[in-house]
Protein backbone atom coordinates (compact mmCIF):
# COMPACT_ATOMS: atom_id res chain seq x y z
CA MET A 1 29.76 20.36 -14.73
CA SER A 2 27.08 17.66 -14.29
CA LYS A 3 23.52 18.40 -15.26
CA LYS A 4 21.26 18.96 -12.27
CA LEU A 5 18.57 16.27 -11.97
CA PRO A 6 14.90 17.19 -11.48
CA VAL A 7 13.88 16.98 -7.81
CA GLY A 8 13.17 13.38 -6.88
CA MET A 9 14.73 11.75 -9.93
CA PRO A 10 17.24 8.99 -9.09
CA SER A 11 20.75 9.28 -10.50
CA GLN A 12 21.67 7.40 -13.66
CA GLU A 13 24.36 5.62 -11.65
CA HIS A 14 21.71 4.24 -9.28
CA ILE A 15 19.49 3.17 -12.19
CA ASP A 16 22.41 1.42 -13.91
CA GLU A 17 23.25 -0.44 -10.69
CA ILE A 18 19.80 -1.92 -10.12
CA LYS A 19 18.18 -2.22 -13.57
CA ASP A 20 19.29 -5.82 -14.19
CA ILE A 21 18.22 -7.21 -10.80
CA SER A 22 15.64 -9.94 -11.43
CA THR A 23 14.91 -11.73 -8.11
CA LEU A 24 14.03 -10.63 -4.59
CA ARG A 25 17.07 -12.46 -3.28
CA GLU A 26 19.24 -10.30 -5.55
CA ILE A 27 17.56 -7.19 -4.16
CA ILE A 28 18.36 -8.31 -0.61
CA GLU A 29 21.95 -9.20 -1.50
CA TYR A 30 22.42 -5.88 -3.31
CA GLY A 31 21.12 -3.87 -0.36
CA THR A 32 23.14 -5.87 2.16
CA LYS A 33 26.36 -5.30 0.23
CA LYS A 34 25.63 -1.60 -0.24
CA GLY A 35 24.30 -1.01 3.28
CA GLY A 36 26.76 -3.15 5.22
CA ASP A 37 26.96 -1.97 8.82
CA LYS A 38 24.63 0.97 8.22
CA ARG A 39 21.37 1.09 10.17
CA HIS A 40 18.66 -0.93 8.43
CA PHE A 41 15.70 -1.31 10.81
CA VAL A 42 14.64 0.42 14.01
CA PHE A 43 11.82 -1.19 16.00
CA LEU A 44 10.41 -1.86 19.45
CA ASN A 45 10.88 -5.36 20.81
CA SER A 46 8.27 -7.34 22.75
CA GLN A 47 9.20 -5.38 25.91
CA LYS A 48 8.67 -2.09 23.99
CA GLN A 49 12.38 -1.34 24.12
CA GLU A 50 14.00 0.20 21.05
CA GLU A 51 16.35 -1.98 19.03
CA GLU A 52 18.03 -1.60 15.67
CA ARG A 53 19.71 -3.81 13.13
CA SER A 54 22.26 -3.10 10.42
CA PHE A 55 21.98 -4.53 6.91
CA ASN A 56 24.62 -7.15 7.79
CA GLN A 57 22.84 -8.12 10.99
CA SER A 58 19.48 -8.59 9.30
CA TRP A 59 21.16 -10.73 6.60
CA ASP A 60 22.73 -12.88 9.34
CA GLU A 61 19.31 -13.39 10.93
CA GLN A 62 17.64 -14.15 7.60
CA THR A 63 20.17 -16.79 6.60
CA ALA A 64 20.17 -18.37 10.08
CA LEU A 65 16.37 -18.55 10.09
CA GLY A 66 16.24 -19.70 6.46
CA THR A 67 18.70 -22.49 7.29
CA TYR A 68 16.49 -23.56 10.21
CA TYR A 69 13.51 -23.72 7.81
CA TYR A 70 15.55 -26.08 5.63
CA LEU A 71 16.38 -28.27 8.62
CA GLN A 72 12.63 -28.59 9.26
CA GLY A 73 11.90 -29.73 5.70
CA MET A 74 11.16 -26.32 4.17
CA ASN A 75 13.89 -26.89 1.58
CA GLY A 76 12.77 -24.89 -1.45
CA LYS A 77 9.44 -24.47 -3.28
CA LYS A 78 7.58 -25.03 0.01
CA LYS A 79 4.62 -22.79 0.83
CA ILE A 80 5.09 -21.09 4.20
CA CYS A 81 2.11 -19.23 5.65
CA LEU A 82 2.85 -16.11 7.71
CA ILE A 83 0.17 -15.22 10.27
CA ALA A 84 1.53 -12.42 12.44
CA GLU A 85 1.11 -8.80 13.39
CA ASN A 86 3.53 -6.14 12.11
CA SER A 87 6.98 -6.60 13.63
CA TYR A 88 10.66 -6.94 12.80
CA GLU A 89 10.22 -10.71 13.13
CA TRP A 90 7.49 -10.64 10.45
CA ILE A 91 9.90 -8.98 8.04
CA ILE A 92 12.85 -11.26 8.79
CA SER A 93 10.74 -14.41 8.50
CA TYR A 94 9.39 -13.15 5.16
CA TYR A 95 12.87 -12.44 3.81
CA ALA A 96 14.13 -15.81 5.11
CA THR A 97 11.37 -17.56 3.17
CA LEU A 98 12.23 -15.78 -0.08
CA ILE A 99 16.03 -16.12 -0.03
CA GLY A 100 15.64 -19.89 0.43
CA ASP A 101 13.43 -20.18 -2.69
CA ASN A 102 10.39 -20.99 -0.60
CA ILE A 103 6.99 -19.38 -1.23
CA SER A 104 5.53 -16.87 1.22
CA VAL A 105 1.78 -16.93 1.89
CA PRO A 106 1.10 -13.83 4.04
CA MET A 107 -2.29 -13.67 5.75
CA ASP A 108 -4.56 -10.85 6.86
CA ILE A 109 -4.82 -11.47 10.60
CA LYS A 110 -8.05 -9.45 10.84
CA LEU A 111 -9.92 -12.18 8.98
CA PRO A 112 -12.04 -14.72 10.88
CA ASP A 113 -10.45 -18.04 11.84
CA ASP A 114 -12.52 -19.95 9.28
CA ASP A 115 -11.29 -17.75 6.41
CA ILE A 116 -7.62 -18.14 7.39
CA VAL A 117 -7.96 -21.91 7.79
CA ASP A 118 -9.79 -22.15 4.45
CA GLN A 119 -7.00 -20.24 2.66
CA ILE A 120 -4.26 -22.37 4.25
CA ILE A 121 -6.01 -25.58 3.22
CA ARG A 122 -6.80 -24.42 -0.32
CA CYS A 123 -3.22 -23.27 -0.74
CA GLY A 124 -1.81 -26.50 0.65
CA CYS A 125 0.64 -24.71 2.94
CA ASP A 126 3.60 -26.75 4.16
CA GLY A 127 4.57 -24.52 7.07
CA VAL A 128 3.07 -21.85 9.31
CA ILE A 129 4.75 -18.96 11.13
CA TYR A 130 2.70 -17.49 13.98
CA THR A 131 2.76 -15.50 17.23
CA LYS A 132 1.05 -15.65 20.60
CA LYS A 133 -1.61 -13.22 19.33
CA THR A 134 -2.33 -15.37 16.28
CA SER A 135 -2.08 -18.79 17.94
CA HIS A 136 -5.89 -19.15 17.85
CA PHE A 137 -5.64 -19.53 14.06
CA VAL A 138 -3.20 -22.40 14.51
CA GLU A 139 -5.42 -24.04 17.13
CA SER A 140 -8.36 -23.92 14.70
CA LEU A 141 -6.16 -25.25 11.90
CA LYS A 142 -4.90 -28.21 13.91
CA LYS A 143 -8.49 -29.28 14.60
CA ASN A 144 -9.29 -29.45 10.89
CA PRO A 145 -8.83 -32.93 9.37
CA GLU A 146 -7.76 -31.36 6.05
CA ASN A 147 -4.84 -29.50 7.65
CA PRO A 148 -1.85 -29.83 5.23
CA VAL A 149 0.78 -28.19 7.47
CA LYS A 150 3.91 -30.17 8.33
CA ALA A 151 5.95 -27.63 10.32
CA TYR A 152 5.08 -24.83 12.75
CA PHE A 153 7.35 -21.90 13.59
CA TYR A 154 6.56 -19.86 16.72
CA ILE A 155 8.00 -16.34 16.52
CA PRO A 156 8.83 -16.07 20.26
CA ASP A 157 11.13 -19.08 19.69
CA PHE A 158 13.03 -17.33 16.86
CA PRO A 159 16.17 -16.73 18.99
CA LYS A 160 16.48 -20.48 19.47
CA TYR A 161 15.81 -21.18 15.78
CA LYS A 162 18.46 -18.68 14.70
CA GLU A 163 21.08 -20.16 17.00
CA ILE A 164 20.42 -23.63 15.57
CA GLY A 165 20.64 -22.19 12.05
CA ARG A 166 23.90 -20.35 12.77
CA GLU A 167 25.44 -23.49 14.26
CA ALA A 168 24.44 -25.48 11.17
CA ILE A 169 26.03 -22.85 8.89
CA LYS A 170 29.17 -22.89 11.04
CA ASN A 171 29.33 -26.66 10.54
CA GLY A 172 29.16 -26.31 6.76
CA ASN A 173 25.43 -26.31 5.97
CA ARG A 174 24.96 -24.02 2.96
CA ASP A 175 21.55 -25.21 1.78
CA CYS A 176 19.87 -21.85 2.28
CA LEU A 177 22.98 -19.76 1.55
CA ASP A 178 23.40 -21.45 -1.83
CA ALA A 179 19.70 -21.77 -2.72
CA GLU A 180 19.15 -21.01 -6.39
CA VAL A 181 16.36 -18.51 -6.90
CA LYS A 182 15.19 -17.91 -10.48
CA PRO A 183 13.14 -14.96 -11.83
CA ASP A 184 10.17 -17.17 -12.78
CA ASP A 185 10.08 -18.96 -9.41
CA LEU A 186 6.95 -18.32 -7.39
CA ALA A 187 7.70 -15.86 -4.56
CA ALA A 188 4.30 -15.33 -2.96
CA ILE A 189 0.66 -16.31 -3.01
CA VAL A 190 -1.43 -13.39 -1.79
CA TYR A 191 -5.11 -13.88 -1.10
CA THR A 192 -7.51 -11.18 -2.25
CA SER A 193 -10.10 -9.75 0.11
CA GLY A 194 -12.91 -11.87 -1.28
CA THR A 195 -15.53 -9.14 -0.71
CA THR A 196 -17.64 -10.37 -3.62
CA GLY A 197 -17.01 -14.10 -3.27
CA LYS A 198 -14.36 -16.63 -2.21
CA SER A 199 -10.89 -15.12 -2.01
CA LYS A 200 -8.40 -15.96 -4.75
CA GLY A 201 -4.69 -16.65 -4.35
CA VAL A 202 -2.68 -14.25 -6.51
CA MET A 203 0.54 -15.93 -7.69
CA LEU A 204 3.44 -13.49 -7.92
CA THR A 205 6.86 -14.55 -9.17
CA HIS A 206 10.19 -13.14 -8.05
CA PHE A 207 10.42 -11.18 -11.29
CA ASN A 208 6.87 -9.83 -10.94
CA ILE A 209 7.64 -8.19 -7.59
CA THR A 210 11.26 -7.38 -8.41
CA SER A 211 10.47 -5.58 -11.66
CA ASN A 212 7.90 -3.48 -9.80
CA ALA A 213 10.27 -2.61 -6.95
CA VAL A 214 13.20 -1.87 -9.26
CA THR A 215 11.25 0.36 -11.62
CA SER A 216 9.68 2.15 -8.63
CA SER A 217 13.20 2.95 -7.44
CA CYS A 218 14.16 4.09 -10.94
CA VAL A 219 11.43 6.75 -11.14
CA ASN A 220 11.37 8.10 -7.57
CA SER A 221 14.24 8.52 -5.13
CA GLY A 222 13.82 8.04 -1.40
CA SER A 223 15.52 8.08 1.95
CA HIS A 224 14.73 6.95 5.51
CA ALA A 225 11.11 5.98 5.99
CA LEU A 226 8.48 4.94 8.50
CA GLY A 227 6.31 1.89 7.89
CA PHE A 228 2.90 1.27 9.41
CA LEU A 229 0.77 -0.32 6.66
CA PRO A 230 -0.14 -4.01 7.17
CA LEU A 231 2.89 -6.02 6.06
CA ASN A 232 0.78 -8.66 4.32
CA HIS A 233 -0.23 -6.11 1.65
CA THR A 234 1.89 -5.81 -1.50
CA PHE A 235 1.79 -1.99 -1.36
CA CYS A 236 3.98 -2.20 1.73
CA TRP A 237 6.45 -4.53 -0.01
CA VAL A 238 7.21 -2.17 -2.88
CA GLY A 239 6.74 0.98 -0.78
CA ALA A 240 9.14 -0.12 1.96
CA LEU A 241 10.45 -3.67 2.26
CA PHE A 242 12.31 -3.86 -1.05
CA THR A 243 12.85 -0.23 -1.99
CA GLY A 244 14.59 0.14 1.38
CA TYR A 245 17.18 -2.35 0.15
CA LEU A 246 17.45 -0.69 -3.25
CA TYR A 247 18.05 2.71 -1.64
CA ALA A 248 20.16 1.14 1.15
CA GLU A 249 18.17 3.28 3.58
CA TRP A 250 16.72 2.54 7.01
CA GLY A 251 13.16 2.47 8.25
CA TYR A 252 11.29 2.46 11.53
CA ILE A 253 8.71 -0.31 11.94
CA CYS A 254 5.60 1.14 13.56
CA ASP A 255 3.64 -1.59 15.33
CA SER A 256 0.60 0.47 16.34
CA LEU A 257 -1.51 2.90 14.31
CA LYS A 258 -2.27 4.96 17.42
CA ASP A 259 1.44 5.77 17.77
CA ILE A 260 1.97 7.09 14.22
CA GLY A 261 1.94 10.77 15.22
CA ALA A 262 4.50 10.32 17.97
CA ASP A 263 6.63 8.00 15.83
CA ILE A 264 6.76 10.53 12.97
CA LYS A 265 8.02 13.20 15.37
CA LYS A 266 10.59 10.86 16.94
CA TYR A 267 12.04 9.18 13.84
CA HIS A 268 11.83 12.08 11.35
CA PRO A 269 10.96 10.10 8.17
CA GLN A 270 11.79 11.60 4.81
CA ASN A 271 8.86 9.64 3.35
CA PHE A 272 6.28 7.00 4.11
CA SER A 273 3.55 5.07 2.30
CA ALA A 274 -0.07 5.60 3.28
CA VAL A 275 -3.69 5.30 2.25
CA PRO A 276 -5.73 8.47 1.57
CA LEU A 277 -7.38 8.44 4.99
CA VAL A 278 -4.01 9.06 6.64
CA VAL A 279 -3.29 12.03 4.37
CA GLU A 280 -6.75 13.46 4.96
CA THR A 281 -6.33 13.06 8.73
CA ILE A 282 -2.97 14.86 8.72
CA TYR A 283 -4.26 17.74 6.59
CA ASP A 284 -7.47 18.19 8.57
CA ARG A 285 -5.53 18.11 11.83
CA ILE A 286 -3.27 20.93 10.61
CA TRP A 287 -6.27 23.19 10.01
CA ARG A 288 -8.05 22.07 13.17
CA THR A 289 -4.96 22.93 15.23
CA ALA A 290 -4.70 26.31 13.53
CA ARG A 291 -8.32 27.11 14.40
CA LYS A 292 -8.00 25.99 18.01
CA THR A 293 -4.81 28.01 18.55
CA GLY A 294 -6.14 31.14 16.85
CA LYS A 295 -3.64 30.89 13.98
CA GLU A 296 -6.02 30.14 11.12
CA GLU A 297 -5.79 33.64 9.61
CA ALA A 298 -2.00 33.64 9.89
CA LEU A 299 -1.93 30.28 8.07
CA LYS A 300 -4.12 31.63 5.28
CA LYS A 301 -1.89 34.69 4.97
CA GLY A 302 1.18 32.46 4.77
CA LEU A 303 -0.43 30.48 1.96
CA LYS A 304 -1.13 33.62 -0.04
CA ILE A 305 2.48 34.75 0.30
CA SER A 306 3.85 31.31 -0.52
CA ARG A 307 1.67 30.89 -3.61
CA PHE A 308 2.66 34.32 -4.89
CA LEU A 309 6.36 33.50 -4.46
CA MET A 310 5.88 30.12 -6.17
CA LYS A 311 4.50 31.93 -9.24
CA LEU A 312 7.77 33.85 -9.33
CA GLY A 313 9.75 30.62 -9.11
CA ILE A 314 10.69 31.17 -5.46
CA ASP A 315 9.98 28.22 -3.18
CA LYS A 316 9.88 29.21 0.50
CA ARG A 317 7.17 26.75 1.55
CA ARG A 318 9.18 24.71 4.04
CA LYS A 319 10.49 27.89 5.67
CA ILE A 320 7.11 29.64 5.86
CA PHE A 321 5.41 26.52 7.18
CA LYS A 322 8.29 25.29 9.33
CA THR A 323 6.00 24.75 12.33
CA ILE A 324 3.86 22.35 10.30
CA ILE A 325 6.91 20.57 8.88
CA ASP A 326 8.38 20.24 12.38
CA SER A 327 5.12 18.76 13.69
CA LEU A 328 5.62 16.01 11.07
CA GLY A 329 9.17 15.22 12.11
CA GLY A 330 10.96 18.05 10.32
CA GLU A 331 12.24 15.99 7.38
CA LEU A 332 9.09 14.71 5.67
CA GLU A 333 9.23 15.52 1.94
CA PHE A 334 6.70 13.21 0.34
CA ILE A 335 4.05 10.57 0.98
CA PHE A 336 3.39 7.70 -1.40
CA CYS A 337 -0.37 7.28 -1.45
CA GLY A 338 -2.42 4.39 -2.85
CA GLY A 339 -5.28 2.05 -2.15
CA ALA A 340 -8.02 4.54 -2.98
CA TYR A 341 -8.71 7.89 -4.60
CA VAL A 342 -7.11 11.00 -3.08
CA ASP A 343 -9.13 14.21 -3.25
CA PRO A 344 -7.05 16.76 -5.23
CA ARG A 345 -7.65 19.39 -2.55
CA TYR A 346 -5.61 17.27 -0.12
CA GLU A 347 -2.86 16.78 -2.69
CA GLN A 348 -2.74 20.51 -3.43
CA GLY A 349 -3.13 21.43 0.23
CA MET A 350 -0.18 19.33 1.39
CA TYR A 351 1.88 20.51 -1.60
CA ASP A 352 1.21 24.11 -0.54
CA PHE A 353 2.80 23.25 2.83
CA GLY A 354 5.87 21.74 1.11
CA ILE A 355 4.98 18.04 1.29
CA HIS A 356 4.36 16.18 -1.94
CA ILE A 357 1.60 13.56 -2.14
CA LEU A 358 2.58 11.05 -4.81
CA SER A 359 -0.64 9.25 -5.70
CA GLY A 360 -0.56 5.98 -7.55
CA TYR A 361 -2.76 3.16 -8.73
CA GLY A 362 -2.25 -0.55 -8.44
CA LEU A 363 -3.64 -3.99 -7.70
CA THR A 364 -2.31 -7.05 -5.91
CA GLU A 365 -2.38 -8.82 -9.30
CA CYS A 366 0.19 -6.27 -10.56
CA SER A 367 2.67 -6.55 -7.67
CA PRO A 368 1.03 -3.91 -7.06
CA ALA A 369 2.03 -0.55 -8.65
CA VAL A 370 0.71 0.21 -12.15
CA THR A 371 0.94 4.01 -12.32
CA CYS A 372 2.29 6.72 -10.07
CA ASN A 373 3.02 10.42 -9.96
CA ARG A 374 6.64 11.48 -9.73
CA ARG A 375 8.01 14.48 -7.86
CA TYR A 376 9.21 15.81 -11.19
CA LYS A 377 6.10 14.84 -13.19
CA PHE A 378 2.68 14.93 -11.57
CA LYS A 379 -0.93 16.06 -11.89
CA PRO A 380 -3.23 16.51 -8.88
CA GLY A 381 -6.33 14.37 -9.27
CA SER A 382 -4.56 11.79 -11.40
CA VAL A 383 -2.93 8.53 -10.31
CA GLY A 384 0.12 9.24 -12.44
CA ILE A 385 1.73 7.76 -15.50
CA PRO A 386 2.56 4.07 -16.09
CA MET A 387 5.46 2.38 -14.34
CA PRO A 388 8.31 1.44 -16.72
CA CYS A 389 7.55 -2.24 -16.09
CA ASN A 390 4.06 -2.09 -17.61
CA GLU A 391 1.82 -0.40 -20.14
CA ILE A 392 -1.86 0.44 -19.91
CA LYS A 393 -4.76 1.06 -22.26
CA ILE A 394 -8.43 1.93 -21.96
CA ASN A 395 -10.66 -0.80 -23.35
CA ASP A 396 -13.90 0.14 -25.09
CA PRO A 397 -13.90 3.82 -24.03
CA ASP A 398 -17.16 5.77 -24.00
CA GLU A 399 -17.69 9.27 -25.44
CA ASP A 400 -15.69 10.73 -22.52
CA GLY A 401 -12.79 8.31 -23.01
CA VAL A 402 -13.73 6.31 -19.91
CA GLY A 403 -13.40 2.55 -20.07
CA GLU A 404 -11.87 -0.43 -18.30
CA VAL A 405 -8.13 -0.18 -17.55
CA PHE A 406 -6.14 -2.99 -19.18
CA ILE A 407 -2.55 -3.70 -18.08
CA ARG A 408 0.30 -5.80 -19.37
CA GLY A 409 3.87 -6.01 -18.20
CA THR A 410 6.45 -7.91 -16.18
CA ASN A 411 4.65 -7.08 -12.92
CA VAL A 412 1.38 -8.81 -13.91
CA MET A 413 0.67 -11.99 -11.93
CA LYS A 414 1.19 -15.53 -13.12
CA GLY A 415 -2.48 -16.27 -12.34
CA TYR A 416 -4.77 -17.36 -9.50
CA TYR A 417 -3.60 -20.40 -7.58
CA ASN A 418 -5.43 -23.59 -8.62
CA ASP A 419 -8.10 -21.53 -10.35
CA PRO A 420 -7.64 -21.61 -14.15
CA GLU A 421 -11.20 -20.44 -14.80
CA ALA A 422 -10.81 -17.29 -12.70
CA THR A 423 -7.41 -16.68 -14.31
CA ALA A 424 -8.81 -16.98 -17.83
CA ALA A 425 -11.66 -14.61 -16.94
CA VAL A 426 -9.31 -11.71 -16.12
CA PHE A 427 -7.07 -11.94 -19.19
CA ASP A 428 -7.67 -10.79 -22.74
CA GLY A 429 -4.64 -12.29 -24.44
CA ASP A 430 -1.70 -10.92 -22.46
CA TRP A 431 -3.71 -7.93 -21.19
CA PHE A 432 -4.92 -8.09 -17.60
CA LYS A 433 -8.47 -6.78 -17.18
CA SER A 434 -8.32 -4.70 -14.01
CA GLY A 435 -12.04 -4.27 -13.38
CA ASP A 436 -11.32 -0.55 -12.83
CA TYR A 437 -12.63 2.31 -14.92
CA GLY A 438 -10.66 5.40 -15.89
CA TYR A 439 -9.36 7.55 -18.71
CA ILE A 440 -5.93 8.63 -19.96
CA ASP A 441 -5.42 12.32 -20.72
CA GLU A 442 -3.35 13.86 -23.52
CA ASP A 443 -0.21 13.76 -21.35
CA GLY A 444 -0.52 10.07 -20.51
CA PHE A 445 -1.84 10.52 -16.94
CA LEU A 446 -4.41 8.02 -15.74
CA PHE A 447 -7.51 9.31 -13.96
CA PHE A 448 -9.32 6.69 -11.88
CA LYS A 449 -13.12 6.72 -12.08
CA GLY A 450 -14.20 3.67 -10.08
CA ARG A 451 -14.55 -0.08 -9.81
CA LYS A 452 -16.52 -1.99 -12.43
CA LYS A 453 -18.12 -4.16 -9.72
CA ASN A 454 -19.31 -1.03 -7.88
CA LEU A 455 -21.09 0.52 -10.87
CA ILE A 456 -24.64 1.65 -10.31
CA VAL A 457 -26.90 0.81 -13.26
CA THR A 458 -29.88 3.15 -13.30
CA SER A 459 -33.38 2.20 -14.42
CA ASN A 460 -32.74 3.86 -17.82
CA GLY A 461 -29.58 1.82 -18.34
CA LYS A 462 -27.00 4.48 -17.44
CA ASN A 463 -23.76 3.43 -15.73
CA VAL A 464 -22.83 5.58 -12.73
CA SER A 465 -19.56 5.38 -10.81
CA PRO A 466 -20.27 5.88 -7.09
CA GLU A 467 -16.64 6.88 -6.53
CA GLU A 468 -17.05 9.87 -8.83
CA ILE A 469 -19.98 11.17 -6.77
CA GLU A 470 -18.18 10.43 -3.50
CA ASP A 471 -15.17 12.47 -4.63
CA ARG A 472 -17.36 15.55 -5.04
CA LEU A 473 -19.28 15.02 -1.81
CA ARG A 474 -16.06 14.71 0.20
CA CYS A 475 -15.30 18.31 -0.74
CA ILE A 476 -18.08 19.47 1.61
CA ASP A 477 -16.22 20.85 4.62
CA PHE A 478 -18.07 18.92 7.30
CA VAL A 479 -18.19 15.55 5.49
CA GLN A 480 -15.81 13.14 7.17
CA GLU A 481 -16.78 9.96 5.32
CA VAL A 482 -19.29 9.18 2.59
CA LEU A 483 -20.43 6.12 0.70
CA VAL A 484 -22.67 6.16 -2.38
CA TYR A 485 -24.68 3.11 -3.41
CA GLN A 486 -27.97 2.06 -4.99
CA GLU A 487 -30.94 1.35 -2.75
CA ASN A 488 -34.38 0.58 -4.20
CA ASP A 489 -33.28 2.00 -7.57
CA ARG A 490 -32.29 5.30 -5.96
CA ILE A 491 -28.75 6.71 -5.74
CA THR A 492 -28.17 6.96 -2.00
CA ALA A 493 -25.42 8.87 -0.20
CA GLU A 494 -24.66 7.85 3.37
CA PHE A 495 -22.58 10.26 5.46
CA PHE A 496 -20.53 10.34 8.64
CA LEU A 497 -20.19 14.02 9.54
CA ASN A 498 -17.71 16.06 11.56
CA GLU A 499 -20.29 17.32 14.00
CA GLU A 500 -17.72 18.10 16.66
CA GLU A 501 -16.39 21.06 14.69
CA TYR A 502 -19.58 21.70 12.72
CA PRO A 503 -22.52 21.25 15.15
CA ASP A 504 -25.05 22.37 12.53
CA ALA A 505 -23.72 20.04 9.81
CA ARG A 506 -26.92 18.02 9.49
CA ALA A 507 -28.99 21.16 9.01
CA HIS A 508 -26.84 22.25 6.05
CA LEU A 509 -26.22 18.83 4.49
CA LYS A 510 -29.22 18.82 2.13
CA ASP A 511 -28.31 22.23 0.67
CA GLU A 512 -24.66 21.23 0.16
CA VAL A 513 -25.64 17.97 -1.52
CA GLY A 514 -27.96 19.99 -3.76
CA LYS A 515 -25.04 22.14 -4.89
CA VAL A 516 -23.07 19.01 -5.78
CA ASN A 517 -26.08 17.59 -7.60
CA ASP A 518 -26.24 20.73 -9.74
CA SER A 519 -22.79 19.85 -11.13
CA PHE A 520 -23.99 16.46 -12.38
CA PRO A 521 -26.39 15.40 -15.14
CA SER A 522 -29.74 14.23 -13.77
CA PHE A 523 -28.93 10.49 -13.87
CA LYS A 524 -25.90 10.96 -11.57
CA ARG A 525 -27.65 12.98 -8.87
CA VAL A 526 -28.06 11.81 -5.28
CA GLN A 527 -31.71 11.01 -4.60
CA LYS A 528 -31.56 9.92 -0.98
CA ILE A 529 -29.46 11.10 1.98
CA LYS A 530 -28.59 9.12 5.11
CA VAL A 531 -26.54 10.21 8.12
CA ARG A 532 -24.88 7.72 10.45
CA ASP A 533 -23.63 8.27 14.01
CA THR A 534 -20.50 6.13 13.74
CA GLU A 535 -17.64 5.71 11.27
CA PHE A 536 -17.98 3.15 8.50
CA GLU A 537 -16.45 -0.28 8.94
CA LYS A 538 -13.06 -0.37 7.22
CA THR A 539 -10.67 -2.93 5.80
CA THR A 540 -7.15 -3.42 7.12
CA THR A 541 -5.99 -0.85 4.55
CA LEU A 542 -8.47 1.70 5.98
CA LYS A 543 -10.87 1.59 3.04
CA ILE A 544 -14.61 1.60 3.69
CA VAL A 545 -16.12 -1.88 3.36
CA ARG A 546 -18.41 -1.28 0.42
CA SER A 547 -19.78 -4.82 0.23
CA ASN A 548 -21.96 -4.12 3.28
CA HIS A 549 -24.00 -1.74 1.14
CA ILE A 550 -24.23 -3.57 -2.20
């Protein structure tokens, strides 16, 4: 009789199958062979009609499109910029770039024209893929005398491109089909946000990204998913685009954030990747609905019963809270969460309902995952234990064990494109200096404390992490968003409150902040309170733009 695996742990057979994969092309080939005619992607086309593709069909489209790239001079090692909104075409054009040993340069389409044009020029892109919605970037680019682009690919014309590519393959053209992709070949150049200066191009090799995706699939199992994060972010690559191939599972491509709720109910994902704001929104909505429908007390009673049974080793959460599970599609088991700190009360709260929040920590420079919680090994409040592809250490820890997180491993970037000085500045030997502060507990779990660049230095020389204070302040029931920063040498907390449900929130805010202050030493206490009437400006990954307040 075989030994039963802990919940969420992949089988040894699966691990053995994928552990030696070393390029993204190999990942795609592995998934195509394993998936075959199984459903791969479900999406809405430009007419908002549902379509789907099998693994074999998406491979056919990738190779046809990749062959067309070759016919237009993109014949290996060429940098192809991708400026498009989330869509099936985005994904296929990205895969087609990689399998042909070209280099993908995905762009954040929410940036201003000047920033996109600047990145394309600095990167020396050879080709550009764009849509009708992003054509203004191309128009600006073409007006610039330094424009390096030699070929333009318009996504609405993809059907024509693919037919030309298929015909070339039929006539014996195997340039893309036989392209040799090596582990150390450059796969992508990803530009950082540039919130504290000019953006830098992070160079990630095939092995960087592959080792991260493979080890992610070796520590957590997964099934059908729903994707809605911006596709230009590396979190989405490992959380969906490549693990989907490694699991040979399908995913629905959500093209609008406003449709997430309806899409979850319709496509019943077993998992999805998200930023903390999404988790917080889901959890708060559950309680808000309970209050509005008069079921808040019944929900509290159910939690008491469930927690008591859990102490006895009896797990009836998904049965007791079936209505909640059904409102989230009925099959949702876990959410991979990254990009920012998750308040432990949300992790514990969703766990109590039978849905596991697997928090992790990562950076674009690390492809991106560095640590993560597993369904069989986790601690609320932590960002998990290291991925098998890397190791971490705390550099120069203080008396509490807090210091800068250093990382080394196969997932760490090759460097910043054409910027040797910036590259040298972030490495200490083969250790990457993350610029993040945290500590590692006795069980090896990393606890994130904040960004080095965000540190508040008080007049008496004390270092204060604003994120640590924000984490406590978010626990106030009526606080929807909060940002802590230094203003005129005073620690300032700026709030956006949930005044719809708590009309007297402003009247109670000072007292609640005082209670939080009592839990901190004097140098960490909030000295000034501000309340805003609108939400904070956010990045494309739904994080508050902190640079506006530094």
